[in-house]
Protein backbone atom coordinates (compact mmCIF):
# COMPACT_ATOMS: atom_id res chain seq x y z
CA MET A 1 -77.47 156.92 -177.00
CA ASP A 2 -75.28 159.23 -179.11
CA ARG A 3 -76.39 162.73 -180.03
CA ASP A 4 -77.49 161.80 -183.55
CA GLU A 5 -79.64 158.95 -182.28
CA LEU A 6 -81.14 161.25 -179.66
CA ALA A 7 -81.97 163.92 -182.23
CA PHE A 8 -83.89 161.40 -184.35
CA ALA A 9 -85.47 159.48 -181.46
CA GLY A 10 -88.89 161.07 -181.97
CA ALA A 11 -91.48 162.56 -179.64
CA LEU A 12 -92.72 159.36 -178.02
CA ARG A 13 -89.29 157.99 -177.19
CA GLN A 14 -88.02 161.34 -175.95
CA ALA A 15 -91.07 161.72 -173.72
CA GLU A 16 -90.38 158.28 -172.24
CA MET A 17 -86.70 159.10 -171.71
CA ILE A 18 -87.52 162.37 -169.96
CA ARG A 19 -90.05 160.56 -167.77
CA ARG A 20 -87.42 157.99 -166.75
CA GLY A 21 -84.79 160.68 -166.11
CA GLU A 22 -82.48 159.41 -168.88
CA VAL A 23 -82.29 162.85 -170.50
CA SER A 24 -83.48 166.30 -169.52
CA SER A 25 -85.61 168.64 -171.58
CA ARG A 26 -82.85 171.24 -171.39
CA GLU A 27 -80.34 168.77 -172.86
CA LEU A 28 -82.69 168.09 -175.76
CA VAL A 29 -83.34 171.78 -176.40
CA GLU A 30 -79.61 172.52 -176.36
CA LEU A 31 -79.00 169.62 -178.76
CA TYR A 32 -81.58 170.92 -181.21
CA LEU A 33 -80.47 174.55 -180.95
CA ASP A 34 -76.94 173.41 -181.82
CA ARG A 35 -78.19 171.46 -184.84
CA ILE A 36 -80.33 174.39 -185.97
CA ALA A 37 -77.33 176.72 -185.77
CA ARG A 38 -75.24 174.37 -187.91
CA LEU A 39 -77.74 173.01 -190.43
CA ASP A 40 -80.55 175.53 -190.82
CA PRO A 41 -78.53 178.23 -192.62
CA GLU A 42 -78.61 175.90 -195.63
CA LEU A 43 -82.15 174.60 -195.13
CA ASN A 44 -83.98 177.77 -194.00
CA ALA A 45 -86.57 175.65 -192.19
CA PHE A 46 -87.16 178.14 -189.35
CA ARG A 47 -88.60 181.62 -189.70
CA ARG A 48 -88.00 182.33 -186.00
CA VAL A 49 -85.95 180.39 -183.42
CA MET A 50 -87.16 181.06 -179.87
CA ALA A 51 -83.96 179.97 -178.12
CA GLU A 52 -84.19 181.82 -174.79
CA ARG A 53 -87.88 181.05 -174.38
CA ALA A 54 -87.36 177.37 -175.24
CA LEU A 55 -84.54 177.03 -172.70
CA ALA A 56 -86.66 178.64 -170.01
CA ASP A 57 -89.61 176.37 -170.83
CA ALA A 58 -87.29 173.34 -170.77
CA GLN A 59 -86.01 174.34 -167.32
CA GLN A 60 -89.60 174.55 -166.13
CA ALA A 61 -90.45 171.16 -167.68
CA ASP A 62 -87.50 169.55 -165.89
CA ALA A 63 -88.68 171.02 -162.59
CA ARG A 64 -92.16 169.65 -163.19
CA ARG A 65 -90.78 166.20 -163.98
CA GLY A 66 -88.85 166.29 -160.71
CA ALA A 67 -92.13 167.05 -158.94
CA GLY A 68 -93.81 164.01 -160.49
CA ASP A 69 -95.60 165.65 -163.44
CA GLU A 70 -96.43 163.06 -166.13
CA ARG A 71 -97.89 165.08 -168.98
CA PRO A 72 -97.68 163.12 -172.26
CA LEU A 73 -95.29 165.55 -174.02
CA LEU A 74 -93.52 166.94 -170.97
CA GLY A 75 -90.25 168.56 -172.10
CA VAL A 76 -90.38 167.34 -175.72
CA PRO A 77 -89.00 170.01 -178.12
CA ILE A 78 -91.20 170.63 -181.15
CA ALA A 79 -91.47 173.23 -183.91
CA VAL A 80 -94.64 175.11 -184.84
CA LYS A 81 -95.66 176.15 -188.34
CA ASP A 82 -95.85 179.92 -188.66
CA THR A 83 -99.61 179.81 -189.19
CA GLU A 84 -100.13 179.15 -185.46
CA ASP A 85 -100.43 181.96 -182.92
CA ILE A 86 -97.90 182.01 -180.07
CA ALA A 87 -98.41 184.74 -177.48
CA GLY A 88 -95.93 187.57 -178.01
CA GLU A 89 -94.75 186.28 -181.40
CA VAL A 90 -95.65 187.44 -184.91
CA THR A 91 -97.69 184.96 -186.94
CA ALA A 92 -96.27 185.82 -190.35
CA TRP A 93 -98.06 183.30 -192.63
CA GLY A 94 -95.05 183.48 -194.96
CA THR A 95 -95.68 187.10 -195.87
CA ALA A 96 -94.37 190.61 -195.21
CA ALA A 97 -98.02 191.72 -195.09
CA HIS A 98 -98.41 190.39 -191.53
CA GLY A 99 -99.39 192.41 -188.47
CA GLY A 100 -97.99 192.56 -184.95
CA PRO A 101 -97.43 189.89 -182.28
CA ALA A 102 -100.26 187.59 -181.24
CA GLU A 103 -101.91 188.36 -177.90
CA ARG A 104 -102.36 184.72 -176.95
CA ASP A 105 -101.65 181.15 -178.05
CA ASN A 106 -104.24 179.69 -180.41
CA ASP A 107 -106.09 176.55 -179.32
CA PHE A 108 -103.69 174.17 -181.07
CA VAL A 109 -100.57 175.64 -179.44
CA ALA A 110 -102.34 175.92 -176.10
CA ARG A 111 -103.12 172.19 -176.16
CA LEU A 112 -99.52 171.36 -177.04
CA ARG A 113 -98.22 173.49 -174.19
CA ALA A 114 -100.79 171.99 -171.80
CA ALA A 115 -99.46 168.55 -172.78
CA GLY A 116 -95.96 169.74 -171.81
CA ALA A 117 -94.34 170.38 -175.20
CA VAL A 118 -91.53 172.92 -175.52
CA VAL A 119 -91.69 175.12 -178.64
CA LEU A 120 -88.30 175.66 -180.30
CA GLY A 121 -89.51 178.13 -182.91
CA LYS A 122 -91.73 178.83 -185.89
CA THR A 123 -91.20 177.19 -189.28
CA ASN A 124 -91.32 178.65 -192.76
CA LEU A 125 -94.14 178.39 -195.26
CA PRO A 126 -94.99 179.95 -198.63
CA GLU A 127 -97.05 183.12 -198.61
CA LEU A 128 -100.56 182.52 -197.22
CA ALA A 129 -99.90 178.73 -197.31
CA ILE A 130 -100.84 178.69 -201.00
CA MET A 131 -97.99 176.72 -202.54
CA GLY A 132 -96.78 173.14 -202.82
CA THR A 133 -93.23 174.50 -202.44
CA THR A 134 -91.89 176.70 -199.63
CA GLU A 135 -90.43 179.85 -201.12
CA GLY A 136 -91.18 183.54 -201.41
CA PRO A 137 -89.63 187.00 -201.21
CA ALA A 138 -90.41 187.59 -197.52
CA PHE A 139 -88.45 184.69 -195.99
CA GLY A 140 -86.59 183.02 -198.84
CA VAL A 141 -86.42 179.46 -200.16
CA THR A 142 -86.65 176.45 -197.84
CA ARG A 143 -84.71 173.42 -199.06
CA ASN A 144 -85.06 169.67 -198.77
CA PRO A 145 -82.41 167.96 -196.58
CA TRP A 146 -82.40 164.97 -198.94
CA ASN A 147 -81.26 167.22 -201.81
CA THR A 148 -81.04 170.95 -201.24
CA ASP A 149 -81.80 171.68 -204.90
CA ARG A 150 -85.27 170.19 -204.29
CA THR A 151 -88.28 171.44 -202.36
CA PRO A 152 -89.39 170.05 -199.01
CA GLY A 153 -92.93 170.60 -200.31
CA GLY A 154 -95.50 173.04 -199.07
CA SER A 155 -97.08 174.61 -197.44
CA SER A 156 -95.73 172.94 -194.28
CA GLY A 157 -92.29 172.70 -195.90
CA GLY A 158 -90.35 174.32 -193.08
CA SER A 159 -91.83 171.88 -190.57
CA ALA A 160 -91.02 168.91 -192.81
CA ALA A 161 -87.44 170.02 -193.45
CA ALA A 162 -86.88 170.56 -189.71
CA VAL A 163 -88.16 167.10 -188.75
CA ALA A 164 -86.35 165.32 -191.59
CA ALA A 165 -83.03 166.97 -190.70
CA GLY A 166 -83.35 166.21 -186.98
CA LEU A 167 -83.87 169.81 -185.88
CA CYS A 168 -86.85 168.96 -183.63
CA ALA A 169 -88.71 165.90 -182.38
CA ALA A 170 -91.85 166.73 -184.39
CA ALA A 171 -93.57 169.74 -185.93
CA THR A 172 -97.05 171.02 -186.55
CA GLY A 173 -98.53 171.47 -190.00
CA SER A 174 -101.74 172.58 -191.60
CA ASP A 175 -103.39 171.07 -194.66
CA GLY A 176 -105.81 172.90 -196.95
CA ALA A 177 -105.16 170.91 -200.15
CA GLY A 178 -102.28 168.60 -199.23
CA SER A 179 -100.03 170.87 -197.17
CA ILE A 180 -99.14 168.20 -194.60
CA ARG A 181 -99.08 165.18 -196.92
CA ILE A 182 -97.07 166.81 -199.72
CA PRO A 183 -94.16 167.85 -197.42
CA ALA A 184 -94.28 164.45 -195.73
CA SER A 185 -93.97 162.82 -199.14
CA CYS A 186 -91.11 165.13 -200.17
CA CYS A 187 -89.13 164.59 -196.96
CA GLY A 188 -89.71 160.91 -196.17
CA LEU A 189 -91.99 161.53 -193.18
CA VAL A 190 -95.37 160.56 -191.75
CA GLY A 191 -98.02 163.21 -192.34
CA LEU A 192 -101.63 162.73 -191.25
CA LYS A 193 -104.44 165.04 -192.31
CA PRO A 194 -106.97 164.23 -189.60
CA GLN A 195 -110.72 164.21 -189.93
CA ARG A 196 -112.10 167.73 -190.32
CA GLY A 197 -112.59 169.27 -186.89
CA ARG A 198 -110.48 166.70 -185.02
CA ILE A 199 -108.02 169.44 -184.02
CA SER A 200 -109.31 172.94 -183.33
CA LEU A 201 -108.35 175.72 -185.73
CA ALA A 202 -109.63 178.44 -183.36
CA PRO A 203 -109.54 181.38 -183.51
CA LEU A 204 -109.81 180.63 -187.24
CA ASP A 205 -113.31 179.65 -188.27
CA ASP A 206 -114.02 177.29 -191.16
CA HIS A 207 -110.67 178.13 -192.77
CA TRP A 208 -110.63 178.02 -196.60
CA TYR A 209 -114.35 177.27 -196.48
CA GLY A 210 -113.88 173.98 -194.68
CA LEU A 211 -110.84 172.65 -196.54
CA SER A 212 -108.22 173.14 -193.79
CA ALA A 213 -107.13 170.75 -191.04
CA ALA A 214 -104.27 170.84 -188.53
CA GLY A 215 -101.86 168.02 -187.81
CA PHE A 216 -98.20 166.99 -187.57
CA LEU A 217 -95.04 165.97 -189.42
CA THR A 218 -93.18 163.12 -187.68
CA ARG A 219 -90.71 160.33 -188.42
CA GLN A 220 -92.75 157.57 -186.75
CA VAL A 221 -96.45 156.72 -186.78
CA ALA A 222 -96.44 156.37 -182.98
CA ASP A 223 -95.33 160.00 -182.66
CA THR A 224 -98.26 161.19 -184.78
CA ALA A 225 -100.69 159.13 -182.70
CA LEU A 226 -99.29 160.52 -179.43
CA LEU A 227 -99.51 164.11 -180.66
CA LEU A 228 -103.03 163.59 -181.98
CA ASP A 229 -104.20 162.22 -178.64
CA ALA A 230 -102.68 165.24 -176.89
CA THR A 231 -104.37 167.84 -179.10
CA ALA A 232 -107.66 166.39 -180.38
CA GLN A 233 -110.67 168.44 -179.41
CA ARG A 234 -112.88 165.49 -180.38
CA ALA A 235 -111.75 162.24 -178.81
CA ALA A 236 -112.04 158.96 -180.71
CA GLU A 237 -113.54 155.74 -179.36
CA ARG A 238 -110.14 154.70 -178.06
CA PRO A 239 -106.78 156.50 -177.88
CA PHE A 240 -105.01 156.88 -181.21
CA ALA A 241 -101.78 155.68 -179.62
CA GLN A 242 -103.53 152.44 -178.70
CA ALA A 243 -104.86 152.03 -182.25
CA ALA A 244 -101.40 152.61 -183.73
CA GLY A 245 -99.98 149.86 -181.54
CA GLU A 246 -102.57 147.25 -182.46
CA ALA A 247 -102.76 144.90 -185.43
CA SER A 248 -104.90 146.33 -188.20
CA GLY A 249 -106.49 143.00 -189.10
CA ARG A 250 -107.03 141.89 -192.68
CA LEU A 251 -108.12 144.91 -194.72
CA ARG A 252 -109.55 145.36 -198.20
CA VAL A 253 -107.27 147.87 -199.91
CA ALA A 254 -108.10 149.61 -203.18
CA VAL A 255 -105.20 150.94 -205.28
CA SER A 256 -105.75 153.80 -207.69
CA PHE A 257 -103.56 155.92 -209.94
CA LYS A 258 -106.50 157.86 -211.36
CA THR A 259 -106.13 161.59 -210.82
CA PRO A 260 -109.11 163.81 -210.01
CA MET A 261 -107.57 166.44 -212.32
CA PRO A 262 -106.77 164.91 -215.72
CA PRO A 263 -104.58 164.83 -217.75
CA SER A 264 -101.99 164.67 -214.93
CA ARG A 265 -100.69 161.19 -214.15
CA ALA A 266 -98.11 159.51 -211.95
CA GLY A 267 -94.64 159.03 -213.41
CA GLY A 268 -92.92 155.68 -213.64
CA GLU A 269 -90.84 155.91 -210.46
CA VAL A 270 -93.83 157.03 -208.42
CA ARG A 271 -96.05 154.32 -209.86
CA GLY A 272 -93.38 151.71 -209.14
CA ALA A 273 -93.05 152.86 -205.52
CA ILE A 274 -96.81 152.66 -204.92
CA GLU A 275 -96.99 149.24 -206.55
CA ALA A 276 -94.21 148.12 -204.20
CA VAL A 277 -96.32 149.25 -201.22
CA ALA A 278 -99.32 147.38 -202.65
CA ASP A 279 -97.19 144.23 -203.02
CA ARG A 280 -96.07 144.52 -199.41
CA LEU A 281 -99.69 144.84 -198.32
CA ARG A 282 -100.49 141.62 -200.17
CA GLN A 283 -97.58 139.88 -198.45
CA LEU A 284 -98.99 141.04 -195.11
CA GLY A 285 -102.25 139.27 -195.91
CA HIS A 286 -104.40 142.20 -196.98
CA GLU A 287 -106.73 141.95 -199.95
CA VAL A 288 -105.50 144.41 -202.59
CA ALA A 289 -107.27 145.26 -205.85
CA GLU A 290 -107.26 148.13 -208.33
CA ARG A 291 -110.33 150.34 -207.99
CA ASP A 292 -110.81 153.99 -208.92
CA PRO A 293 -113.02 156.42 -206.98
CA ASP A 294 -115.75 158.14 -208.96
CA TYR A 295 -114.44 161.69 -208.67
CA GLY A 296 -116.78 163.18 -211.24
CA ARG A 297 -116.39 166.97 -211.39
CA ALA A 298 -115.62 167.34 -207.68
CA SER A 299 -112.33 169.10 -208.45
CA ASP A 300 -114.36 172.07 -209.75
CA SER A 301 -115.88 172.61 -206.30
CA LEU A 302 -112.48 172.11 -204.67
CA THR A 303 -110.89 174.81 -206.84
CA VAL A 304 -113.69 177.27 -206.11
CA ARG A 305 -113.26 176.85 -202.36
CA TYR A 306 -109.45 176.96 -202.53
CA LEU A 307 -109.29 180.21 -204.52
CA SER A 308 -112.12 181.83 -202.54
CA GLY A 309 -110.33 180.90 -199.31
CA ILE A 310 -107.12 182.59 -200.47
CA ALA A 311 -109.04 185.76 -201.33
CA GLN A 312 -110.76 185.72 -197.95
CA ASP A 313 -107.44 185.20 -196.12
CA ALA A 314 -105.81 188.15 -197.88
CA GLU A 315 -108.46 190.52 -196.52
CA GLY A 316 -107.23 189.87 -192.99
CA PHE A 317 -103.68 191.21 -193.49
CA PRO A 318 -102.99 194.84 -192.58
CA ARG A 319 -100.35 195.45 -195.28
CA ARG A 320 -101.87 193.81 -198.34
CA GLU A 321 -99.77 195.99 -200.62
CA ARG A 322 -96.78 193.89 -199.52
CA LEU A 323 -98.21 190.64 -200.88
CA GLN A 324 -96.08 189.23 -203.69
CA ARG A 325 -97.27 189.54 -207.29
CA ARG A 326 -98.19 185.87 -207.63
CA THR A 327 -100.26 185.94 -204.45
CA ARG A 328 -102.13 189.01 -205.64
CA GLY A 329 -102.91 187.01 -208.79
CA PHE A 330 -104.40 184.19 -206.72
CA VAL A 331 -106.42 186.75 -204.76
CA ARG A 332 -107.79 188.28 -207.98
CA MET A 333 -108.82 184.83 -209.21
CA GLY A 334 -110.62 184.18 -205.93
CA ARG A 335 -112.43 187.50 -206.02
CA LEU A 336 -113.78 186.74 -209.49
CA ILE A 337 -115.74 183.79 -208.10
CA PRO A 338 -119.35 184.92 -207.47
CA GLY A 339 -120.94 184.24 -204.10
CA PRO A 340 -123.67 181.91 -205.46
CA LEU A 341 -121.00 179.70 -207.11
CA LEU A 342 -119.13 179.41 -203.79
CA GLU A 343 -122.38 178.58 -201.97
CA ARG A 344 -123.11 175.90 -204.53
CA ALA A 345 -119.61 174.43 -204.10
CA ARG A 346 -120.26 174.16 -200.36
CA ARG A 347 -123.66 172.55 -200.89
CA ASP A 348 -122.24 170.10 -203.42
CA GLU A 349 -119.76 168.67 -200.91
CA ALA A 350 -122.24 166.13 -199.53
CA ARG A 351 -123.19 164.92 -203.00
CA HIS A 352 -119.60 164.56 -204.16
CA ALA A 353 -118.52 162.90 -200.90
CA ALA A 354 -121.33 160.34 -201.06
CA ARG A 355 -120.40 159.37 -204.62
CA ILE A 356 -116.65 159.22 -204.01
CA ASN A 357 -117.08 157.27 -200.76
CA GLU A 358 -119.09 154.54 -202.46
CA LEU A 359 -115.66 152.93 -202.85
CA PHE A 360 -115.56 152.33 -199.09
CA ARG A 361 -118.59 150.07 -199.22
CA GLU A 362 -116.31 147.39 -200.69
CA HIS A 363 -112.87 148.57 -199.49
CA ASP A 364 -111.52 149.66 -196.10
CA VAL A 365 -108.63 151.82 -197.33
CA LEU A 366 -107.63 153.53 -200.58
CA LEU A 367 -103.95 153.67 -201.61
CA THR A 368 -102.77 156.37 -204.05
CA PRO A 369 -99.61 158.37 -204.71
CA VAL A 370 -99.24 161.74 -203.02
CA SER A 371 -97.66 163.42 -206.06
CA THR A 372 -96.95 162.54 -209.66
CA ARG A 373 -93.18 163.12 -209.29
CA PRO A 374 -90.46 163.00 -206.64
CA PRO A 375 -89.73 166.40 -205.04
CA VAL A 376 -89.62 169.19 -207.63
CA GLY A 377 -87.11 172.04 -207.69
CA ALA A 378 -86.80 174.18 -204.56
CA ALA A 379 -88.25 177.18 -206.42
CA GLU A 380 -90.12 175.32 -209.16
CA TRP A 381 -92.73 178.01 -209.77
CA GLU A 382 -90.80 181.08 -208.62
CA GLY A 383 -91.43 184.04 -210.92
CA MET A 384 -94.52 182.52 -212.53
CA GLY A 385 -97.93 184.12 -212.39
CA ALA A 386 -100.87 182.62 -210.51
CA PRO A 387 -102.57 180.78 -213.43
CA ARG A 388 -99.39 178.99 -214.56
CA THR A 389 -98.50 178.16 -210.96
CA LEU A 390 -101.97 176.76 -210.33
CA LEU A 391 -101.75 174.53 -213.40
CA GLY A 392 -98.25 173.40 -212.46
CA MET A 393 -99.30 172.44 -208.94
CA ALA A 394 -102.42 170.66 -210.21
CA ASN A 395 -100.18 168.56 -212.46
CA VAL A 396 -97.76 167.57 -209.66
CA TYR A 397 -100.16 167.35 -206.69
CA PRO A 398 -103.54 166.13 -208.00
CA PHE A 399 -104.12 163.38 -205.41
CA THR A 400 -104.46 165.26 -202.13
CA GLY A 401 -106.96 168.14 -202.23
CA MET A 402 -110.00 165.96 -202.87
CA TRP A 403 -109.89 164.62 -199.31
CA ASN A 404 -109.83 168.15 -197.89
CA MET A 405 -113.09 168.79 -199.70
CA THR A 406 -114.71 165.64 -198.28
CA GLY A 407 -113.16 166.25 -194.85
CA GLN A 408 -112.12 162.64 -194.24
CA PRO A 409 -108.69 161.49 -192.98
CA ALA A 410 -105.68 160.73 -195.18
CA ILE A 411 -102.06 159.98 -194.31
CA SER A 412 -98.81 160.10 -196.27
CA ILE A 413 -96.15 157.51 -195.45
CA PRO A 414 -92.76 156.95 -197.09
CA ALA A 415 -92.80 154.51 -200.01
CA PRO A 416 -89.56 153.07 -201.44
CA PRO A 417 -87.46 156.02 -202.65
CA SER A 418 -86.57 156.95 -206.21
CA GLY A 419 -83.48 155.60 -207.95
CA ASP A 420 -81.44 158.61 -206.81
CA GLY A 421 -82.66 158.33 -203.23
CA LEU A 422 -85.37 161.01 -203.23
CA PRO A 423 -88.42 160.36 -201.04
CA ILE A 424 -91.73 159.27 -202.56
CA GLY A 425 -94.96 159.29 -200.56
CA ALA A 426 -97.82 156.80 -200.50
CA GLN A 427 -101.22 158.14 -199.46
CA LEU A 428 -103.64 156.01 -197.45
CA ILE A 429 -107.22 157.33 -197.32
CA GLY A 430 -109.99 156.04 -195.09
CA PRO A 431 -113.72 156.67 -194.79
CA PRO A 432 -114.89 159.37 -192.38
CA GLU A 433 -113.62 159.04 -188.78
CA ALA A 434 -111.06 156.36 -189.77
CA GLU A 435 -107.83 157.83 -188.37
CA ALA A 436 -107.36 154.80 -186.09
CA ARG A 437 -107.53 152.42 -189.04
CA LEU A 438 -105.04 154.45 -191.04
CA LEU A 439 -102.62 154.74 -188.13
CA ALA A 440 -102.73 150.99 -187.48
CA LEU A 441 -102.07 150.15 -191.14
CA ALA A 442 -99.36 152.81 -191.42
CA ALA A 443 -97.64 151.42 -188.31
CA GLN A 444 -97.71 147.93 -189.82
CA LEU A 445 -96.10 149.23 -193.02
CA GLU A 446 -93.52 151.18 -191.01
CA GLY A 447 -92.29 147.93 -189.53
CA GLU A 448 -92.07 146.35 -192.99
CA LEU A 449 -90.66 149.22 -195.06
CA GLY A 450 -88.17 150.43 -192.45
CA TRP A 451 -88.25 154.13 -193.30
CA THR A 452 -87.29 155.22 -189.78
CA GLY A 453 -83.75 153.96 -190.42
CA ARG A 454 -83.24 156.29 -193.39
CA ARG A 455 -81.74 159.74 -192.83
CA PRO A 456 -81.02 162.50 -195.31
CA PRO A 457 -77.39 163.26 -196.22
CA LEU A 458 -77.57 166.73 -194.66
CA ALA A 459 -78.62 165.31 -191.29
CA PRO A 460 -75.47 163.70 -189.77
CA ALA A 461 -73.57 165.88 -187.32
């Protein structure tokens, strides 16, 4: 296997190769460090590269393999979004307002390390994970390897750019209103927002008032399933890797272009890409019909929790005077929300979820776009105030946040690209606890749509 093929092999295949002795963890880490040195100056995917530490961890992983250790991710090099605590490293959250180094790994990182993964470094995000682009004054603009004038999405944009460009086998992400699925859509990747609580957020508690979930950006569905099995604090009925490798059976799929936040709507290229996915589902034998969820006014409750969560987050930073002007605007908006209104938004979740999920009485999966447009400019909302930015993001990314409010799983997979080759994401949503179903259907579409064979122009060595 040549070096390019090895860089894009993915977490599952690399784990198997390490286990068989076909490649060492150190060789993989050196390969990725070389690619980061050559490609990341243009992308700005990494906030911090932990080269010496990664090489030492790789050496240790190789010694363990020689002693017969068979951890599922032993020696696989991954990247970690800079919202996750790594002992001895600053968790910057995209801002200059951050404090000092973390005393210990958070639960998510600890589980990854326990599974044998080697952390290459920490990836960029917009300040406080607010944005659907990855840019800000503290750490600059992160760019999309498919077109460096475009965004890799946000807030897990650094992770998405790194995986898409072959700078790591996989990367972590977090998703409070689409922050895994939007970057996956922008970069032609697989991005699962798991069921709420599937992966521990500790030491964070109920982040963004229940909206946030942790997950991964990968090139293959099997990689996501492997990583989810390795890190889930709540196990499913059967391993996710097993579910992803099994036939999904004939499913009833609803297709909807209705946005929870009118008057935004999907553009022609996006609509065409989603219709192409629906056609492929029909060819695979699934029952596909147009059906819109009854969103009602659920987006009101979502917005209240999102803005209140930003305001709550800001209180935890020791140098709040360093927050950028736009972020301070979001914080002011959140602080204006009275406590009783926030409490009502939390109480209303069950009512909204029950109404919206009526769709799943007659359908097994819902198919929607992830965004209304292909990837927007790399700094689309730079220099704008909070209200204009919020309206702009609501217009481009109206399809994702609803499922954070309900807490159920949703996954972005690559749909056919735009006419100029830019990625477009298709979102598959399931009822509560349906990750296995989504992974099985996504894996079936992966085999049909062939996205793993596509690589961005920046990626070749």
